[in-house]
Amino acid sequence: MKDIARELGVSIVTVSKVLRNHEDIGEETRRRVLKRVKELNYQPNPAARALVTGKSYTAGLIVPDLVHPFFAEVATGISRVLRKKNYSLLISSSQEDLELEKQEIARLLSRRLDALLIASTQHNPGGFRHIIDQRVPFILLDRSFPDLRANFVGVDDIKVGKIATSHLISVGCRRIAHIRGPATSTAIGRLEGYNQALVQHRLRPRPDYVVTGRSADSDSWSSGFRAMHQLLRLDPAPDGVFCYNDPIAIGAIDAILASGLRVPQDIAVIGCGNLHFDKSLRVPLSSIDQQSVTIGERAGKLLLDIIKPKHPPRSRRVLIEPAVVTRDSTRRAV
C-alpha cells in the first residue's frame, strides 16, 4: 500500500479507502489505484487488516439445508449486497440438526466474524446465549423466536398460511388439507394461518386433514408423496392441499397423479417458496412468493447497518410481503 501510494502521489489512507470501496473517493483516483493494484497483483491480507481495524470483513450464514433452492436464493441476495462492500460470506449447513447447528455457530464464532445470519433449527432461544455473551451481532432469517429480542428478516408466516388457504377456497375447494413442516416458527405460523382462514370462511378444521412432512429438501419430495397418500385414504379425501413448501407440494402432486386423480380438477395444490422451476413442472405449481432473494438483500443491508456503530441499535424486524402466484395446479373452474 505504501508503494502504491508513493507511486501515484496519494496517501495510504486513500489507497486503503479504495480497497475498501469507500464512497468518498473520486472516480479517477479510484481507477488509477485499482489499475496499479491489478498490475502488482496486490492482495490485501485480511488477517493483518483485522488486527488493525478490529474487523474481519467476514460474515457467517447458517442454513438448514444448502440444497434447498429457497436458502440458496436467500444466500444469493445476501452475498450480492455484502460483495459490494468487500465483505466475504462463509456459508454452513446445520442439516436440520440442532447439535450440528450449535457446533457450526461455535466454529464460526471462533473465526472472529463481524456478524452471523442464522435460519435456525432450534425450538427455543437458549442456543443463542453464546452469541449474545460474545456480543456478536446476529440476524435471524426466515425463522424467529417470540421470546428472543433479535433482528429478524422474513415473512409473516401466519399471513402466508391465510392467503394460501384463502386462495384454495376462492377456487372452490371446501375440504382443504395441510401438509405442515417441522416444529419451527415457519411451520407453526403457516398452520395457524391455515386454521384462521378456514374459520374466517366458516369451514370446519379437521385434525385428520393436517399431516406432518419434513422441510429438508433431500427428503421433502418423498415426505410430501407419503403424506398425500395418507390424505387420499381419508373419506372424504380433500379437494385442496396447502403444502408447507414447494418440494413437499411437488411430492403431493406426484402422489395425486399416481393415484389416477387430476390436478387441479380433483385436488388443487398450492406450495410456498415460488421456486424458479415451479412453472416448468408437469403441472406448473401455484405458490406463495416469499421473495427469497429480497429477504437475502434486506438481511445483507441490515447486517451492514448493525455492525457500524460501537453500540448496536435496537433489534429490528423486517417483514417482506408474501403474495400468491397462480399457476395450473389451482386453476380450476369455480
C-alpha atoms as a PDB file:
ATOM      1  CA  MET A   1       0.000   0.000   0.000  1.00  0.00           C
ATOM      2  CA  LYS A   2       2.890   2.375   0.751  1.00  0.00           C
ATOM      3  CA  ASP A   3       4.444   1.617  -2.640  1.00  0.00           C
ATOM      4  CA  ILE A   4       1.186   2.267  -4.498  1.00  0.00           C
ATOM      5  CA  ALA A   5       0.568   5.494  -2.577  1.00  0.00           C
ATOM      6  CA  ARG A   6       4.092   6.782  -3.278  1.00  0.00           C
ATOM      7  CA  GLU A   7       3.953   5.888  -6.986  1.00  0.00           C
ATOM      8  CA  LEU A   8       0.585   7.546  -7.540  1.00  0.00           C
ATOM      9  CA  GLY A   9       1.153  10.553  -5.281  1.00  0.00           C
ATOM     10  CA  VAL A  10      -1.756   9.789  -2.964  1.00  0.00           C
ATOM     11  CA  SER A  11      -1.983   8.962   0.728  1.00  0.00           C
ATOM     12  CA  ILE A  12      -2.005   5.454   2.186  1.00  0.00           C
ATOM     13  CA  VAL A  13      -5.459   6.270   3.585  1.00  0.00           C
ATOM     14  CA  THR A  14      -6.691   6.901   0.028  1.00  0.00           C
ATOM     15  CA  VAL A  15      -5.359   3.539  -1.154  1.00  0.00           C
ATOM     16  CA  SER A  16      -6.986   1.853   1.848  1.00  0.00           C
ATOM     17  CA  LYS A  17     -10.336   3.503   1.124  1.00  0.00           C
ATOM     18  CA  VAL A  18     -10.230   2.416  -2.499  1.00  0.00           C
ATOM     19  CA  LEU A  19      -9.561  -1.174  -1.460  1.00  0.00           C
ATOM     20  CA  ARG A  20     -12.484  -0.986   0.958  1.00  0.00           C
ATOM     21  CA  ASN A  21     -14.731   0.517  -1.734  1.00  0.00           C
ATOM     22  CA  HIS A  22     -15.231   3.659   0.329  1.00  0.00           C
ATOM     23  CA  GLU A  23     -17.673   6.153  -1.162  1.00  0.00           C
ATOM     24  CA  ASP A  24     -15.741   9.420  -0.679  1.00  0.00           C
ATOM     25  CA  ILE A  25     -13.017   8.677  -3.273  1.00  0.00           C
ATOM     26  CA  GLY A  26     -13.186  10.301  -6.709  1.00  0.00           C
ATOM     27  CA  GLU A  27     -13.712   8.024  -9.696  1.00  0.00           C
ATOM     28  CA  GLU A  28     -10.444   8.999 -11.407  1.00  0.00           C
ATOM     29  CA  THR A  29      -8.400   8.306  -8.263  1.00  0.00           C
ATOM     30  CA  ARG A  30     -10.227   5.037  -7.732  1.00  0.00           C
ATOM     31  CA  ARG A  31      -9.489   3.994 -11.320  1.00  0.00           C
ATOM     32  CA  ARG A  32      -5.779   4.788 -11.023  1.00  0.00           C
ATOM     33  CA  VAL A  33      -5.378   2.925  -7.734  1.00  0.00           C
ATOM     34  CA  LEU A  34      -7.253  -0.161  -8.915  1.00  0.00           C
ATOM     35  CA  LYS A  35      -5.258  -0.222 -12.135  1.00  0.00           C
ATOM     36  CA  ARG A  36      -1.990  -0.249 -10.194  1.00  0.00           C
ATOM     37  CA  VAL A  37      -3.332  -2.820  -7.714  1.00  0.00           C
ATOM     38  CA  LYS A  38      -4.149  -5.106 -10.635  1.00  0.00           C
ATOM     39  CA  GLU A  39      -0.733  -4.597 -12.226  1.00  0.00           C
ATOM     40  CA  LEU A  40       1.026  -5.560  -8.993  1.00  0.00           C
ATOM     41  CA  ASN A  41      -1.430  -8.426  -8.300  1.00  0.00           C
ATOM     42  CA  TYR A  42      -1.739  -6.984  -4.798  1.00  0.00           C
ATOM     43  CA  GLN A  43      -3.974  -8.930  -2.405  1.00  0.00           C
ATOM     44  CA  PRO A  44      -4.782  -7.330   0.974  1.00  0.00           C
ATOM     45  CA  ASN A  45      -4.031  -9.543   3.959  1.00  0.00           C
ATOM     46  CA  PRO A  46      -7.378  -9.965   5.760  1.00  0.00           C
ATOM     47  CA  ALA A  47      -5.759 -11.260   8.957  1.00  0.00           C
ATOM     48  CA  ALA A  48      -3.465  -8.234   9.189  1.00  0.00           C
ATOM     49  CA  ARG A  49      -6.334  -5.879   8.408  1.00  0.00           C
ATOM     50  CA  ALA A  50      -8.445  -7.489  11.133  1.00  0.00           C
ATOM     51  CA  LEU A  51      -5.678  -6.897  13.685  1.00  0.00           C
ATOM     52  CA  VAL A  52      -5.540  -3.199  12.798  1.00  0.00           C
ATOM     53  CA  THR A  53      -9.254  -2.455  12.337  1.00  0.00           C
ATOM     54  CA  GLY A  54     -10.797  -4.969  14.718  1.00  0.00           C
ATOM     55  CA  LYS A  55     -12.985  -6.181  11.848  1.00  0.00           C
ATOM     56  CA  SER A  56     -12.687  -9.364   9.812  1.00  0.00           C
ATOM     57  CA  TYR A  57     -14.903  -8.097   6.955  1.00  0.00           C
ATOM     58  CA  THR A  58     -16.473 -11.547   7.027  1.00  0.00           C
ATOM     59  CA  ALA A  59     -19.983 -12.663   7.959  1.00  0.00           C
ATOM     60  CA  GLY A  60     -21.290 -16.171   8.559  1.00  0.00           C
ATOM     61  CA  LEU A  61     -24.516 -17.742   7.300  1.00  0.00           C
ATOM     62  CA  ILE A  62     -26.003 -20.941   8.744  1.00  0.00           C
ATOM     63  CA  VAL A  63     -28.979 -22.506   6.950  1.00  0.00           C
ATOM     64  CA  PRO A  64     -30.805 -25.806   7.498  1.00  0.00           C
ATOM     65  CA  ASP A  65     -30.143 -27.117   4.007  1.00  0.00           C
ATOM     66  CA  LEU A  66     -27.704 -25.958   1.324  1.00  0.00           C
ATOM     67  CA  VAL A  67     -29.584 -27.977  -1.315  1.00  0.00           C
ATOM     68  CA  HIS A  68     -32.923 -26.244  -0.772  1.00  0.00           C
ATOM     69  CA  PRO A  69     -33.412 -23.601  -3.513  1.00  0.00           C
ATOM     70  CA  PHE A  70     -35.064 -21.175  -1.063  1.00  0.00           C
ATOM     71  CA  PHE A  71     -31.951 -20.886   1.092  1.00  0.00           C
ATOM     72  CA  ALA A  72     -29.720 -20.801  -1.989  1.00  0.00           C
ATOM     73  CA  GLU A  73     -31.658 -17.780  -3.238  1.00  0.00           C
ATOM     74  CA  VAL A  74     -31.503 -16.098   0.196  1.00  0.00           C
ATOM     75  CA  ALA A  75     -27.720 -16.626   0.212  1.00  0.00           C
ATOM     76  CA  THR A  76     -27.510 -15.111  -3.273  1.00  0.00           C
ATOM     77  CA  GLY A  77     -29.258 -11.958  -2.067  1.00  0.00           C
ATOM     78  CA  ILE A  78     -27.023 -11.628   0.999  1.00  0.00           C
ATOM     79  CA  SER A  79     -23.838 -12.173  -0.984  1.00  0.00           C
ATOM     80  CA  ARG A  80     -24.912  -9.665  -3.641  1.00  0.00           C
ATOM     81  CA  VAL A  81     -25.141  -6.905  -1.014  1.00  0.00           C
ATOM     82  CA  LEU A  82     -22.057  -7.800   1.024  1.00  0.00           C
ATOM     83  CA  ARG A  83     -19.810  -8.187  -2.014  1.00  0.00           C
ATOM     84  CA  LYS A  84     -20.331  -4.517  -2.894  1.00  0.00           C
ATOM     85  CA  LYS A  85     -18.776  -3.595   0.459  1.00  0.00           C
ATOM     86  CA  ASN A  86     -15.908  -6.088   0.122  1.00  0.00           C
ATOM     87  CA  TYR A  87     -17.377  -8.424   2.733  1.00  0.00           C
ATOM     88  CA  SER A  88     -16.937 -12.178   2.467  1.00  0.00           C
ATOM     89  CA  LEU A  89     -19.694 -14.653   3.356  1.00  0.00           C
ATOM     90  CA  LEU A  90     -18.950 -18.045   4.917  1.00  0.00           C
ATOM     91  CA  ILE A  91     -21.868 -20.448   4.422  1.00  0.00           C
ATOM     92  CA  SER A  92     -22.582 -23.528   6.515  1.00  0.00           C
ATOM     93  CA  SER A  93     -25.428 -26.034   6.876  1.00  0.00           C
ATOM     94  CA  SER A  94     -26.961 -27.445  10.048  1.00  0.00           C
ATOM     95  CA  GLN A  95     -28.741 -30.199   8.069  1.00  0.00           C
ATOM     96  CA  GLU A  96     -31.776 -29.602  10.327  1.00  0.00           C
ATOM     97  CA  ASP A  97     -29.685 -30.978  13.222  1.00  0.00           C
ATOM     98  CA  LEU A  98     -29.791 -28.994  16.471  1.00  0.00           C
ATOM     99  CA  GLU A  99     -26.419 -30.155  17.782  1.00  0.00           C
ATOM    100  CA  LEU A 100     -24.728 -29.617  14.427  1.00  0.00           C
ATOM    101  CA  GLU A 101     -26.113 -26.079  14.331  1.00  0.00           C
ATOM    102  CA  LYS A 102     -24.597 -25.338  17.748  1.00  0.00           C
ATOM    103  CA  GLN A 103     -21.256 -26.718  16.555  1.00  0.00           C
ATOM    104  CA  GLU A 104     -21.361 -24.544  13.431  1.00  0.00           C
ATOM    105  CA  ILE A 105     -22.183 -21.447  15.494  1.00  0.00           C
ATOM    106  CA  ALA A 106     -19.179 -22.135  17.752  1.00  0.00           C
ATOM    107  CA  ARG A 107     -16.920 -22.794  14.768  1.00  0.00           C
ATOM    108  CA  LEU A 108     -17.877 -19.577  13.001  1.00  0.00           C
ATOM    109  CA  LEU A 109     -17.583 -17.530  16.199  1.00  0.00           C
ATOM    110  CA  SER A 110     -14.029 -18.845  16.622  1.00  0.00           C
ATOM    111  CA  ARG A 111     -13.174 -17.135  13.329  1.00  0.00           C
ATOM    112  CA  ARG A 112     -13.973 -13.734  14.877  1.00  0.00           C
ATOM    113  CA  LEU A 113     -16.649 -12.927  12.332  1.00  0.00           C
ATOM    114  CA  ASP A 114     -18.245  -9.489  12.353  1.00  0.00           C
ATOM    115  CA  ALA A 115     -21.791 -10.896  12.329  1.00  0.00           C
ATOM    116  CA  LEU A 116     -23.894 -14.042  11.890  1.00  0.00           C
ATOM    117  CA  LEU A 117     -27.065 -14.761   9.935  1.00  0.00           C
ATOM    118  CA  ILE A 118     -28.983 -17.860  11.027  1.00  0.00           C
ATOM    119  CA  ALA A 119     -32.033 -19.753   9.764  1.00  0.00           C
ATOM    120  CA  SER A 120     -32.264 -21.814  12.921  1.00  0.00           C
ATOM    121  CA  THR A 121     -33.475 -25.360  13.588  1.00  0.00           C
ATOM    122  CA  GLN A 122     -33.722 -24.689  17.336  1.00  0.00           C
ATOM    123  CA  HIS A 123     -37.025 -24.846  19.170  1.00  0.00           C
ATOM    124  CA  ASN A 124     -36.117 -22.300  21.858  1.00  0.00           C
ATOM    125  CA  PRO A 125     -33.722 -19.322  22.017  1.00  0.00           C
ATOM    126  CA  GLY A 126     -31.370 -20.825  24.618  1.00  0.00           C
ATOM    127  CA  GLY A 127     -28.818 -21.771  21.995  1.00  0.00           C
ATOM    128  CA  PHE A 128     -28.205 -18.111  21.135  1.00  0.00           C
ATOM    129  CA  ARG A 129     -26.851 -17.263  24.586  1.00  0.00           C
ATOM    130  CA  HIS A 130     -23.293 -17.986  23.429  1.00  0.00           C
ATOM    131  CA  ILE A 131     -23.601 -15.453  20.588  1.00  0.00           C
ATOM    132  CA  ILE A 132     -25.135 -12.819  22.868  1.00  0.00           C
ATOM    133  CA  ASP A 133     -22.410 -13.316  25.501  1.00  0.00           C
ATOM    134  CA  GLN A 134     -19.723 -12.727  22.868  1.00  0.00           C
ATOM    135  CA  ARG A 135     -21.551  -9.576  21.695  1.00  0.00           C
ATOM    136  CA  VAL A 136     -21.550 -10.690  18.095  1.00  0.00           C
ATOM    137  CA  PRO A 137     -24.386  -9.071  16.091  1.00  0.00           C
ATOM    138  CA  PHE A 138     -26.720 -11.636  14.545  1.00  0.00           C
ATOM    139  CA  ILE A 139     -29.813 -11.754  12.374  1.00  0.00           C
ATOM    140  CA  LEU A 140     -32.463 -14.462  12.332  1.00  0.00           C
ATOM    141  CA  LEU A 141     -33.632 -15.441   8.857  1.00  0.00           C
ATOM    142  CA  ASP A 142     -36.989 -16.994   7.967  1.00  0.00           C
ATOM    143  CA  ARG A 143     -37.428 -18.475  11.454  1.00  0.00           C
ATOM    144  CA  SER A 144     -37.963 -16.412  14.600  1.00  0.00           C
ATOM    145  CA  PHE A 145     -38.477 -16.840  18.364  1.00  0.00           C
ATOM    146  CA  PRO A 146     -41.236 -14.845  20.133  1.00  0.00           C
ATOM    147  CA  ASP A 147     -39.258 -14.692  23.383  1.00  0.00           C
ATOM    148  CA  LEU A 148     -35.979 -13.536  21.820  1.00  0.00           C
ATOM    149  CA  ARG A 149     -35.370  -9.871  21.069  1.00  0.00           C
ATOM    150  CA  ALA A 150     -33.294 -10.188  17.919  1.00  0.00           C
ATOM    151  CA  ASN A 151     -33.002  -8.841  14.410  1.00  0.00           C
ATOM    152  CA  PHE A 152     -35.243 -10.780  12.022  1.00  0.00           C
ATOM    153  CA  VAL A 153     -35.812 -10.780   8.266  1.00  0.00           C
ATOM    154  CA  GLY A 154     -38.518 -12.957   6.723  1.00  0.00           C
ATOM    155  CA  VAL A 155     -42.261 -13.075   6.107  1.00  0.00           C
ATOM    156  CA  ASP A 156     -45.337 -13.152   8.340  1.00  0.00           C
ATOM    157  CA  ASP A 157     -45.994 -16.903   8.225  1.00  0.00           C
ATOM    158  CA  ILE A 158     -49.493 -16.587   9.626  1.00  0.00           C
ATOM    159  CA  LYS A 159     -50.279 -14.397   6.632  1.00  0.00           C
ATOM    160  CA  VAL A 160     -48.652 -16.973   4.332  1.00  0.00           C
ATOM    161  CA  GLY A 161     -50.988 -19.669   5.665  1.00  0.00           C
ATOM    162  CA  LYS A 162     -54.038 -17.416   5.423  1.00  0.00           C
ATOM    163  CA  ILE A 163     -53.536 -16.265   1.830  1.00  0.00           C
ATOM    164  CA  ALA A 164     -52.605 -19.773   0.606  1.00  0.00           C
ATOM    165  CA  THR A 165     -55.700 -21.342   2.181  1.00  0.00           C
ATOM    166  CA  SER A 166     -57.943 -18.460   1.133  1.00  0.00           C
ATOM    167  CA  HIS A 167     -56.723 -18.894  -2.443  1.00  0.00           C
ATOM    168  CA  LEU A 168     -57.805 -22.557  -2.410  1.00  0.00           C
ATOM    169  CA  ILE A 169     -61.192 -21.516  -1.039  1.00  0.00           C
ATOM    170  CA  SER A 170     -61.524 -18.884  -3.790  1.00  0.00           C
ATOM    171  CA  VAL A 171     -61.148 -21.564  -6.489  1.00  0.00           C
ATOM    172  CA  GLY A 172     -63.910 -23.698  -4.977  1.00  0.00           C
ATOM    173  CA  CYS A 173     -62.117 -26.005  -2.525  1.00  0.00           C
ATOM    174  CA  ARG A 174     -64.044 -26.836   0.651  1.00  0.00           C
ATOM    175  CA  ARG A 175     -62.179 -29.857   2.082  1.00  0.00           C
ATOM    176  CA  ILE A 176     -58.725 -28.350   2.486  1.00  0.00           C
ATOM    177  CA  ALA A 177     -55.820 -30.278   3.966  1.00  0.00           C
ATOM    178  CA  HIS A 178     -52.422 -29.010   5.102  1.00  0.00           C
ATOM    179  CA  ILE A 179     -49.094 -30.842   4.884  1.00  0.00           C
ATOM    180  CA  ARG A 180     -47.151 -28.988   7.546  1.00  0.00           C
ATOM    181  CA  GLY A 181     -43.441 -28.690   8.278  1.00  0.00           C
ATOM    182  CA  PRO A 182     -41.373 -29.396  11.416  1.00  0.00           C
ATOM    183  CA  ALA A 183     -41.819 -27.612  14.756  1.00  0.00           C
ATOM    184  CA  THR A 184     -40.256 -24.290  13.728  1.00  0.00           C
ATOM    185  CA  SER A 185     -41.853 -20.839  13.734  1.00  0.00           C
ATOM    186  CA  THR A 186     -42.467 -21.009   9.986  1.00  0.00           C
ATOM    187  CA  ALA A 187     -44.480 -24.236  10.209  1.00  0.00           C
ATOM    188  CA  ILE A 188     -46.323 -23.119  13.356  1.00  0.00           C
ATOM    189  CA  GLY A 189     -47.250 -19.786  11.759  1.00  0.00           C
ATOM    190  CA  ARG A 190     -48.424 -21.324   8.484  1.00  0.00           C
ATOM    191  CA  LEU A 191     -50.586 -23.856  10.346  1.00  0.00           C
ATOM    192  CA  GLU A 192     -52.119 -21.034  12.388  1.00  0.00           C
ATOM    193  CA  GLY A 193     -52.868 -19.051   9.231  1.00  0.00           C
ATOM    194  CA  TYR A 194     -54.429 -22.139   7.629  1.00  0.00           C
ATOM    195  CA  ASN A 195     -56.763 -22.600  10.602  1.00  0.00           C
ATOM    196  CA  GLN A 196     -57.641 -18.891  10.735  1.00  0.00           C
ATOM    197  CA  ALA A 197     -58.607 -18.881   7.054  1.00  0.00           C
ATOM    198  CA  LEU A 198     -60.874 -21.909   7.488  1.00  0.00           C
ATOM    199  CA  VAL A 199     -62.653 -20.329  10.460  1.00  0.00           C
ATOM    200  CA  GLN A 200     -62.920 -16.987   8.652  1.00  0.00           C
ATOM    201  CA  HIS A 201     -64.669 -18.715   5.738  1.00  0.00           C
ATOM    202  CA  ARG A 202     -66.847 -20.819   8.060  1.00  0.00           C
ATOM    203  CA  LEU A 203     -65.191 -24.108   7.205  1.00  0.00           C
ATOM    204  CA  ARG A 204     -64.643 -26.642   9.983  1.00  0.00           C
ATOM    205  CA  PRO A 205     -60.979 -27.509  10.635  1.00  0.00           C
ATOM    206  CA  ARG A 206     -60.427 -31.275  10.683  1.00  0.00           C
ATOM    207  CA  PRO A 207     -57.437 -32.597  12.652  1.00  0.00           C
ATOM    208  CA  ASP A 208     -57.063 -35.576  10.300  1.00  0.00           C
ATOM    209  CA  TYR A 209     -56.598 -33.165   7.377  1.00  0.00           C
ATOM    210  CA  VAL A 210     -53.311 -31.937   8.885  1.00  0.00           C
ATOM    211  CA  VAL A 211     -50.310 -34.229   8.425  1.00  0.00           C
ATOM    212  CA  THR A 212     -46.624 -33.557   9.002  1.00  0.00           C
ATOM    213  CA  GLY A 213     -43.933 -33.528   6.341  1.00  0.00           C
ATOM    214  CA  ARG A 214     -40.258 -32.672   6.642  1.00  0.00           C
ATOM    215  CA  SER A 215     -38.595 -29.488   5.413  1.00  0.00           C
ATOM    216  CA  ALA A 216     -35.156 -30.803   4.386  1.00  0.00           C
ATOM    217  CA  ASP A 217     -35.006 -30.687   0.603  1.00  0.00           C
ATOM    218  CA  SER A 218     -33.370 -34.092   0.343  1.00  0.00           C
ATOM    219  CA  ASP A 219     -36.479 -35.669   1.893  1.00  0.00           C
ATOM    220  CA  SER A 220     -39.257 -33.191   1.118  1.00  0.00           C
ATOM    221  CA  TRP A 221     -40.462 -34.807  -2.103  1.00  0.00           C
ATOM    222  CA  SER A 222     -40.798 -38.276  -0.553  1.00  0.00           C
ATOM    223  CA  SER A 223     -42.429 -36.945   2.622  1.00  0.00           C
ATOM    224  CA  GLY A 224     -44.909 -34.963   0.509  1.00  0.00           C
ATOM    225  CA  PHE A 225     -45.605 -38.077  -1.542  1.00  0.00           C
ATOM    226  CA  ARG A 226     -46.214 -40.184   1.579  1.00  0.00           C
ATOM    227  CA  ALA A 227     -48.298 -37.513   3.314  1.00  0.00           C
ATOM    228  CA  MET A 228     -50.529 -37.121   0.263  1.00  0.00           C
ATOM    229  CA  HIS A 229     -51.169 -40.869   0.097  1.00  0.00           C
ATOM    230  CA  GLN A 230     -52.195 -40.691   3.756  1.00  0.00           C
ATOM    231  CA  LEU A 231     -54.663 -37.909   2.928  1.00  0.00           C
ATOM    232  CA  LEU A 232     -56.035 -39.815  -0.079  1.00  0.00           C
ATOM    233  CA  ARG A 233     -57.102 -42.658   2.236  1.00  0.00           C
ATOM    234  CA  LEU A 234     -59.490 -40.339   4.111  1.00  0.00           C
ATOM    235  CA  ASP A 235     -63.219 -40.386   3.425  1.00  0.00           C
ATOM    236  CA  PRO A 236     -63.909 -37.913   2.024  1.00  0.00           C
ATOM    237  CA  ALA A 237     -60.492 -37.102   0.609  1.00  0.00           C
ATOM    238  CA  PRO A 238     -59.517 -33.420   0.467  1.00  0.00           C
ATOM    239  CA  ASP A 239     -60.206 -31.381  -2.644  1.00  0.00           C
ATOM    240  CA  GLY A 240     -57.410 -28.880  -1.907  1.00  0.00           C
ATOM    241  CA  VAL A 241     -53.995 -29.064  -0.214  1.00  0.00           C
ATOM    242  CA  PHE A 242     -51.772 -26.292   1.134  1.00  0.00           C
ATOM    243  CA  CYS A 243     -48.188 -27.550   1.458  1.00  0.00           C
ATOM    244  CA  TYR A 244     -45.543 -26.124   3.780  1.00  0.00           C
ATOM    245  CA  ASN A 245     -43.050 -25.689   0.927  1.00  0.00           C
ATOM    246  CA  ASP A 246     -42.752 -26.294  -2.798  1.00  0.00           C
ATOM    247  CA  PRO A 247     -40.721 -29.545  -2.702  1.00  0.00           C
ATOM    248  CA  ILE A 248     -43.400 -31.089  -0.464  1.00  0.00           C
ATOM    249  CA  ALA A 249     -46.073 -29.822  -2.870  1.00  0.00           C
ATOM    250  CA  ILE A 250     -44.289 -31.444  -5.826  1.00  0.00           C
ATOM    251  CA  GLY A 251     -44.316 -34.787  -3.994  1.00  0.00           C
ATOM    252  CA  ALA A 252     -48.014 -34.318  -3.194  1.00  0.00           C
ATOM    253  CA  ILE A 253     -48.876 -33.638  -6.846  1.00  0.00           C
ATOM    254  CA  ASP A 254     -46.976 -36.737  -7.980  1.00  0.00           C
ATOM    255  CA  ALA A 255     -48.899 -38.844  -5.434  1.00  0.00           C
ATOM    256  CA  ILE A 256     -52.233 -37.463  -6.680  1.00  0.00           C
ATOM    257  CA  LEU A 257     -51.372 -38.168 -10.316  1.00  0.00           C
ATOM    258  CA  ALA A 258     -50.042 -41.651  -9.458  1.00  0.00           C
ATOM    259  CA  SER A 259     -53.434 -42.392  -7.872  1.00  0.00           C
ATOM    260  CA  GLY A 260     -55.218 -41.647 -11.130  1.00  0.00           C
ATOM    261  CA  LEU A 261     -56.626 -38.315  -9.975  1.00  0.00           C
ATOM    262  CA  ARG A 262     -56.230 -34.938 -11.665  1.00  0.00           C
ATOM    263  CA  VAL A 263     -54.647 -31.680 -10.503  1.00  0.00           C
ATOM    264  CA  PRO A 264     -56.401 -29.314 -10.086  1.00  0.00           C
ATOM    265  CA  GLN A 265     -59.769 -30.753 -11.229  1.00  0.00           C
ATOM    266  CA  ASP A 266     -59.928 -33.329  -8.398  1.00  0.00           C
ATOM    267  CA  ILE A 267     -57.462 -31.836  -5.942  1.00  0.00           C
ATOM    268  CA  ALA A 268     -55.907 -28.354  -6.151  1.00  0.00           C
ATOM    269  CA  VAL A 269     -52.422 -27.882  -4.665  1.00  0.00           C
ATOM    270  CA  ILE A 270     -50.504 -24.780  -3.562  1.00  0.00           C
ATOM    271  CA  GLY A 271     -46.978 -24.660  -2.132  1.00  0.00           C
ATOM    272  CA  CYS A 272     -44.754 -21.979  -0.638  1.00  0.00           C
ATOM    273  CA  GLY A 273     -41.452 -20.552  -1.882  1.00  0.00           C
ATOM    274  CA  ASN A 274     -42.201 -19.837  -5.562  1.00  0.00           C
ATOM    275  CA  LEU A 275     -39.035 -21.627  -6.628  1.00  0.00           C
ATOM    276  CA  HIS A 276     -37.637 -20.818 -10.050  1.00  0.00           C
ATOM    277  CA  PHE A 277     -38.578 -24.204 -11.549  1.00  0.00           C
ATOM    278  CA  ASP A 278     -42.234 -24.190 -10.402  1.00  0.00           C
ATOM    279  CA  LYS A 279     -43.506 -23.060 -13.812  1.00  0.00           C
ATOM    280  CA  SER A 280     -41.626 -25.899 -15.587  1.00  0.00           C
ATOM    281  CA  LEU A 281     -43.213 -28.816 -13.722  1.00  0.00           C
ATOM    282  CA  ARG A 282     -45.578 -31.374 -15.265  1.00  0.00           C
ATOM    283  CA  VAL A 283     -48.347 -29.421 -13.525  1.00  0.00           C
ATOM    284  CA  PRO A 284     -46.996 -25.879 -13.003  1.00  0.00           C
ATOM    285  CA  LEU A 285     -47.246 -25.183  -9.276  1.00  0.00           C
ATOM    286  CA  SER A 286     -49.138 -22.322  -7.637  1.00  0.00           C
ATOM    287  CA  SER A 287     -47.118 -20.995  -4.741  1.00  0.00           C
ATOM    288  CA  ILE A 288     -46.647 -18.233  -2.200  1.00  0.00           C
ATOM    289  CA  ASP A 289     -43.831 -15.940  -3.269  1.00  0.00           C
ATOM    290  CA  GLN A 290     -41.711 -15.091  -0.216  1.00  0.00           C
ATOM    291  CA  GLN A 291     -39.310 -13.015  -2.352  1.00  0.00           C
ATOM    292  CA  SER A 292     -36.369 -15.115  -1.182  1.00  0.00           C
ATOM    293  CA  VAL A 293     -33.679 -13.035  -2.920  1.00  0.00           C
ATOM    294  CA  THR A 294     -35.204  -9.871  -1.444  1.00  0.00           C
ATOM    295  CA  ILE A 295     -35.075 -11.461   2.021  1.00  0.00           C
ATOM    296  CA  GLY A 296     -31.348 -12.003   1.476  1.00  0.00           C
ATOM    297  CA  GLU A 297     -30.764  -8.478   0.189  1.00  0.00           C
ATOM    298  CA  ARG A 298     -32.627  -6.878   3.093  1.00  0.00           C
ATOM    299  CA  ALA A 299     -30.731  -9.094   5.536  1.00  0.00           C
ATOM    300  CA  GLY A 300     -27.419  -8.046   3.957  1.00  0.00           C
ATOM    301  CA  LYS A 301     -28.297  -4.354   4.258  1.00  0.00           C
ATOM    302  CA  LEU A 302     -29.428  -4.805   7.855  1.00  0.00           C
ATOM    303  CA  LEU A 303     -26.179  -6.609   8.667  1.00  0.00           C
ATOM    304  CA  LEU A 304     -24.115  -3.709   7.332  1.00  0.00           C
ATOM    305  CA  ASP A 305     -26.191  -1.322   9.465  1.00  0.00           C
ATOM    306  CA  ILE A 306     -25.823  -3.191  12.744  1.00  0.00           C
ATOM    307  CA  ILE A 307     -22.035  -3.688  12.544  1.00  0.00           C
ATOM    308  CA  LYS A 308     -21.244   0.000  12.001  1.00  0.00           C
ATOM    309  CA  PRO A 309     -21.962   1.557  15.408  1.00  0.00           C
ATOM    310  CA  LYS A 310     -19.966   0.775  18.533  1.00  0.00           C
ATOM    311  CA  HIS A 311     -23.250   0.146  20.315  1.00  0.00           C
ATOM    312  CA  PRO A 312     -25.575  -1.915  18.081  1.00  0.00           C
ATOM    313  CA  PRO A 313     -29.027  -0.337  17.563  1.00  0.00           C
ATOM    314  CA  ARG A 314     -32.216  -1.858  18.933  1.00  0.00           C
ATOM    315  CA  SER A 315     -33.273  -5.043  17.164  1.00  0.00           C
ATOM    316  CA  ARG A 316     -35.344  -4.661  14.015  1.00  0.00           C
ATOM    317  CA  ARG A 317     -37.981  -6.898  12.457  1.00  0.00           C
ATOM    318  CA  VAL A 318     -38.101  -6.698   8.661  1.00  0.00           C
ATOM    319  CA  LEU A 319     -41.128  -8.385   7.085  1.00  0.00           C
ATOM    320  CA  ILE A 320     -41.299  -9.000   3.344  1.00  0.00           C
ATOM    321  CA  GLU A 321     -44.804  -9.055   1.845  1.00  0.00           C
ATOM    322  CA  PRO A 322     -45.851 -12.523   0.573  1.00  0.00           C
ATOM    323  CA  ALA A 323     -48.083 -12.921  -2.490  1.00  0.00           C
ATOM    324  CA  VAL A 324     -49.960 -15.699  -4.287  1.00  0.00           C
ATOM    325  CA  VAL A 325     -48.554 -16.738  -7.671  1.00  0.00           C
ATOM    326  CA  THR A 326     -51.281 -18.652  -9.537  1.00  0.00           C
ATOM    327  CA  ARG A 327     -50.372 -21.459 -11.956  1.00  0.00           C
ATOM    328  CA  ASP A 328     -52.095 -24.576 -13.293  1.00  0.00           C
ATOM    329  CA  SER A 329     -52.163 -26.530 -10.010  1.00  0.00           C
ATOM    330  CA  THR A 330     -55.004 -24.313  -8.730  1.00  0.00           C
ATOM    331  CA  ARG A 331     -56.584 -23.106 -11.968  1.00  0.00           C
ATOM    332  CA  ARG A 332     -59.973 -24.788 -11.857  1.00  0.00           C
ATOM    333  CA  ALA A 333     -63.457 -23.743 -12.912  1.00  0.00           C
ATOM    334  CA  VAL A 334     -65.453 -22.378  -9.972  1.00  0.00           C
END
